[in-house]
Amino acid sequence: MPHNTFNTLQKFKHGQLYSLPALGRALSVRIERLPVSIRLVLESVLRNCDGKKVSEHHIRELAAWKAVAPRTDEIPFVVARIVLQDFTGVPLLCDLAAMRGVAAKMGREPKMIEPLVPVDLVVDHSVQIDHYGSKNALDLNMKLEFKRNQERYQFMKWGMQAFDTFKVVPPGIGIVHQVNLEYLAPGVHQSGDGVCYPDTLVGTDSHTTMINALGVVGWGVGGIGAEAGMLGQPVYFLTPDVVGVNLKGKLHPALTATDVVLSVTEMLRKAKVRRSPTWRRNTAPPWASSRSTRRPSSISAAPAARTSR
């Protein structure tokens, strides 16, 4: 059963949602003044409020965000999905398989081990190029790829069949970020109890922030951070600064979302905006760390874009 903190759970024609305007009225705060990116994170904090990992205190703190203020408060951010590339995705699948093995040895149902959010693994980082400059180069490379790594692909296929929330995008489709932008991003999710909520994610690559071009909050984490997200744990980070980008006009039919992302990224780099932080592999997971060790620096490139046509 979804909770109704601050009386914000409301019905609409497609189901239910957590209303930020209703939250603003309950807290006497002008939610509409917040950047879009902060509002998307606030919706997640509100929706996942359980009084334990996420509390009403966290909601009040983020709703009171100010553009110029000390960044000392941590946000427990529960994402809607996870994107993995193969270098870190396969080890995480190994972890899930090992957990099921332990559950079976303990006499428990192995299927109780399941990612709590949808997970997409895109195979692109480890693909080798042996043939090029010919019409059948792609076909020849794919045949070699599957021959060389047959056991790995058998393992990934098992993962797709064993876990309901785990999907694999095979090689030859595109790089993980373009696949994420043009195929995987749903825009809006709907839970089993009919609650609709915005798409948010973390991915195991620092360029995951490309998804920001679609108005989706997402950034790169390390393998441990992604695994914590898979298991429903919040990603903790300091209340961020926000750099806004206002997009006007209409995208040329010959261009893709990836072209827009690269152009905006180039512009931000020229303006000395640094990329968002990445949880490294040797970083302890947020749920196993003290408050003083689980906080990356502020995400100064958080998505704040408004697109007008």
Foldseek 3Di string as FASTA:
>chain_A
DFDQVLNQWDADPQFIERDPVSVCVSLVADQVVDFLLLVQQLRQLVRPDDCPLRHVVLNVVSSPDDQDDDFDDKHFGQAQEEEEEDVLVLVLLVVLVVQLVVCVVVVHHSLVRAFPHAYEYEYDPPQDQDDDDDPCRLVVSVVVVCVVPVVSVVSLVVSVVSYVRYYYHYPPPDDRQVCCQPPVAPQWDADPNGYIGGHEYEYQDQPNCLNLLVVYWYGYEHSQQSSCSRNRGTQMETDANEDEDEAEDDDDPVDDSSVVSVVVVVVVVVVVQDGADYHHPPQHYPVPDDPVRRYDHHGHHTRRYDYDD
